[in-house]
Amino acid sequence: MERKFYQRHAFFCTSGKTCPQKAPVEDLIGFFRQEIKKRGLNKEIRVNKSGCLDWCQEGPVMVVYPEGVWYAGLKAEDLPEILEEHLINGRPVERLVARREG
């Protein structure tokens, strides 16, 4: 049986010292999952919880593959744009992309 890979795979930090405390991460994940399902894209886009992504103090944090693009300090109002532009259309939202020194 041949398996089809997801076009995009997003991981949300749901553990560690700060991500779960800074925002309702479960609500952020729920928004993406609901919208992806509503649009019939659950075979193309996958959203998963992850353990600590080691970006403590910068949460909530999400990383999107295959591009390896990180978003930090996520806010609910950022999610529709990330969903539409990046997860669906493959264009990272540059103004929201996390930059980390070192």
C-alpha atoms as a PDB file:
ATOM      1  CA  MET A   1       0.000   0.000   0.000  1.00  0.00           C
ATOM      2  CA  GLU A   2       1.420   3.344  -1.044  1.00  0.00           C
ATOM      3  CA  ARG A   3       1.046   6.150   1.486  1.00  0.00           C
ATOM      4  CA  LYS A   4       0.614   9.754   0.539  1.00  0.00           C
ATOM      5  CA  PHE A   5       2.595  12.251   2.605  1.00  0.00           C
ATOM      6  CA  TYR A   6       1.119  15.452   3.952  1.00  0.00           C
ATOM      7  CA  GLN A   7       1.936  18.619   2.042  1.00  0.00           C
ATOM      8  CA  ARG A   8       2.283  20.539   5.319  1.00  0.00           C
ATOM      9  CA  HIS A   9       2.728  19.318   8.872  1.00  0.00           C
ATOM     10  CA  ALA A  10       2.414  21.748  11.791  1.00  0.00           C
ATOM     11  CA  PHE A  11       3.604  20.983  15.314  1.00  0.00           C
ATOM     12  CA  PHE A  12       2.518  23.014  18.357  1.00  0.00           C
ATOM     13  CA  CYS A  13       4.490  22.980  21.575  1.00  0.00           C
ATOM     14  CA  THR A  14       2.076  21.820  24.271  1.00  0.00           C
ATOM     15  CA  SER A  15       4.502  21.214  27.107  1.00  0.00           C
ATOM     16  CA  GLY A  16       7.505  22.818  28.713  1.00  0.00           C
ATOM     17  CA  LYS A  17       7.498  25.652  31.197  1.00  0.00           C
ATOM     18  CA  THR A  18       5.880  28.464  29.235  1.00  0.00           C
ATOM     19  CA  CYS A  19       3.985  27.622  26.025  1.00  0.00           C
ATOM     20  CA  PRO A  20       0.906  26.123  27.695  1.00  0.00           C
ATOM     21  CA  GLN A  21       0.809  28.937  30.252  1.00  0.00           C
ATOM     22  CA  LYS A  22       1.148  31.851  27.800  1.00  0.00           C
ATOM     23  CA  ALA A  23      -1.879  31.012  25.664  1.00  0.00           C
ATOM     24  CA  PRO A  24      -4.626  28.424  25.343  1.00  0.00           C
ATOM     25  CA  VAL A  25      -2.572  26.199  23.012  1.00  0.00           C
ATOM     26  CA  GLU A  26      -5.366  23.625  22.797  1.00  0.00           C
ATOM     27  CA  ASP A  27      -7.632  26.358  21.374  1.00  0.00           C
ATOM     28  CA  LEU A  28      -5.006  27.280  18.761  1.00  0.00           C
ATOM     29  CA  ILE A  29      -4.675  23.653  17.700  1.00  0.00           C
ATOM     30  CA  GLY A  30      -8.448  23.282  17.679  1.00  0.00           C
ATOM     31  CA  PHE A  31      -8.842  26.257  15.358  1.00  0.00           C
ATOM     32  CA  PHE A  32      -6.438  24.771  12.791  1.00  0.00           C
ATOM     33  CA  ARG A  33      -7.932  21.286  12.998  1.00  0.00           C
ATOM     34  CA  GLN A  34     -11.495  22.580  12.656  1.00  0.00           C
ATOM     35  CA  GLU A  35     -10.688  24.799   9.672  1.00  0.00           C
ATOM     36  CA  ILE A  36      -8.638  22.113   7.929  1.00  0.00           C
ATOM     37  CA  LYS A  37     -11.437  19.582   8.356  1.00  0.00           C
ATOM     38  CA  LYS A  38     -14.099  22.097   7.261  1.00  0.00           C
ATOM     39  CA  ARG A  39     -12.150  22.713   4.040  1.00  0.00           C
ATOM     40  CA  GLY A  40     -11.623  18.991   3.401  1.00  0.00           C
ATOM     41  CA  LEU A  41      -7.836  19.287   3.672  1.00  0.00           C
ATOM     42  CA  ASN A  42      -7.158  16.683   6.381  1.00  0.00           C
ATOM     43  CA  LYS A  43      -5.302  14.459   3.921  1.00  0.00           C
ATOM     44  CA  GLU A  44      -3.014  17.324   2.828  1.00  0.00           C
ATOM     45  CA  ILE A  45      -2.389  19.170   6.105  1.00  0.00           C
ATOM     46  CA  ARG A  46      -1.707  17.632   9.516  1.00  0.00           C
ATOM     47  CA  VAL A  47      -1.605  19.417  12.884  1.00  0.00           C
ATOM     48  CA  ASN A  48      -0.001  17.691  15.865  1.00  0.00           C
ATOM     49  CA  LYS A  49       0.947  18.425  19.431  1.00  0.00           C
ATOM     50  CA  SER A  50       4.618  18.184  20.271  1.00  0.00           C
ATOM     51  CA  GLY A  51       6.680  18.113  23.376  1.00  0.00           C
ATOM     52  CA  CYS A  52       8.861  21.061  24.280  1.00  0.00           C
ATOM     53  CA  LEU A  53      10.452  22.681  21.216  1.00  0.00           C
ATOM     54  CA  ASP A  54      13.062  24.421  23.396  1.00  0.00           C
ATOM     55  CA  TRP A  55      11.926  27.956  22.573  1.00  0.00           C
ATOM     56  CA  CYS A  56      10.821  28.639  26.125  1.00  0.00           C
ATOM     57  CA  GLN A  57       9.819  32.229  26.893  1.00  0.00           C
ATOM     58  CA  GLU A  58       8.859  32.709  23.218  1.00  0.00           C
ATOM     59  CA  GLY A  59       5.685  30.648  23.191  1.00  0.00           C
ATOM     60  CA  PRO A  60       3.302  29.625  22.085  1.00  0.00           C
ATOM     61  CA  VAL A  61       5.432  28.118  19.337  1.00  0.00           C
ATOM     62  CA  MET A  62       4.561  26.270  16.127  1.00  0.00           C
ATOM     63  CA  VAL A  63       6.856  24.826  13.446  1.00  0.00           C
ATOM     64  CA  VAL A  64       5.648  23.980   9.935  1.00  0.00           C
ATOM     65  CA  TYR A  65       7.268  21.342   7.742  1.00  0.00           C
ATOM     66  CA  PRO A  66       8.532  20.624   5.146  1.00  0.00           C
ATOM     67  CA  GLU A  67       9.774  24.232   5.114  1.00  0.00           C
ATOM     68  CA  GLY A  68      10.910  24.213   8.744  1.00  0.00           C
ATOM     69  CA  VAL A  69       9.322  27.619   9.397  1.00  0.00           C
ATOM     70  CA  TRP A  70       8.903  28.638  13.030  1.00  0.00           C
ATOM     71  CA  TYR A  71       6.245  30.932  14.455  1.00  0.00           C
ATOM     72  CA  ALA A  72       6.580  32.158  18.044  1.00  0.00           C
ATOM     73  CA  GLY A  73       4.433  34.291  20.305  1.00  0.00           C
ATOM     74  CA  LEU A  74       1.355  33.148  18.409  1.00  0.00           C
ATOM     75  CA  LYS A  75      -1.913  34.982  18.900  1.00  0.00           C
ATOM     76  CA  ALA A  76      -5.367  33.796  17.907  1.00  0.00           C
ATOM     77  CA  GLU A  77      -5.698  36.689  15.451  1.00  0.00           C
ATOM     78  CA  ASP A  78      -2.589  35.446  13.543  1.00  0.00           C
ATOM     79  CA  LEU A  79      -4.012  32.004  12.867  1.00  0.00           C
ATOM     80  CA  PRO A  80      -6.345  32.680   9.906  1.00  0.00           C
ATOM     81  CA  GLU A  81      -3.513  34.312   7.960  1.00  0.00           C
ATOM     82  CA  ILE A  82      -1.045  31.509   8.755  1.00  0.00           C
ATOM     83  CA  LEU A  83      -3.655  28.927   7.762  1.00  0.00           C
ATOM     84  CA  GLU A  84      -4.545  30.566   4.462  1.00  0.00           C
ATOM     85  CA  GLU A  85      -1.145  31.823   3.365  1.00  0.00           C
ATOM     86  CA  HIS A  86       1.221  29.165   4.667  1.00  0.00           C
ATOM     87  CA  LEU A  87      -0.572  25.908   5.375  1.00  0.00           C
ATOM     88  CA  ILE A  88      -2.860  26.111   2.347  1.00  0.00           C
ATOM     89  CA  ASN A  89      -0.916  28.220  -0.173  1.00  0.00           C
ATOM     90  CA  GLY A  90       2.660  27.413   0.886  1.00  0.00           C
ATOM     91  CA  ARG A  91       3.750  31.013   1.498  1.00  0.00           C
ATOM     92  CA  PRO A  92       5.153  31.602   5.003  1.00  0.00           C
ATOM     93  CA  VAL A  93       3.813  34.749   6.659  1.00  0.00           C
ATOM     94  CA  GLU A  94       7.138  36.588   6.813  1.00  0.00           C
ATOM     95  CA  ARG A  95       6.044  39.236   9.301  1.00  0.00           C
ATOM     96  CA  LEU A  96       5.169  36.457  11.769  1.00  0.00           C
ATOM     97  CA  VAL A  97       8.130  34.139  11.149  1.00  0.00           C
ATOM     98  CA  ALA A  98      10.237  33.759  14.294  1.00  0.00           C
ATOM     99  CA  ARG A  99      13.844  34.891  14.100  1.00  0.00           C
ATOM    100  CA  ARG A 100      16.221  33.543  16.685  1.00  0.00           C
ATOM    101  CA  GLU A 101      19.794  34.551  17.270  1.00  0.00           C
ATOM    102  CA  GLY A 102      22.347  31.812  17.941  1.00  0.00           C
END
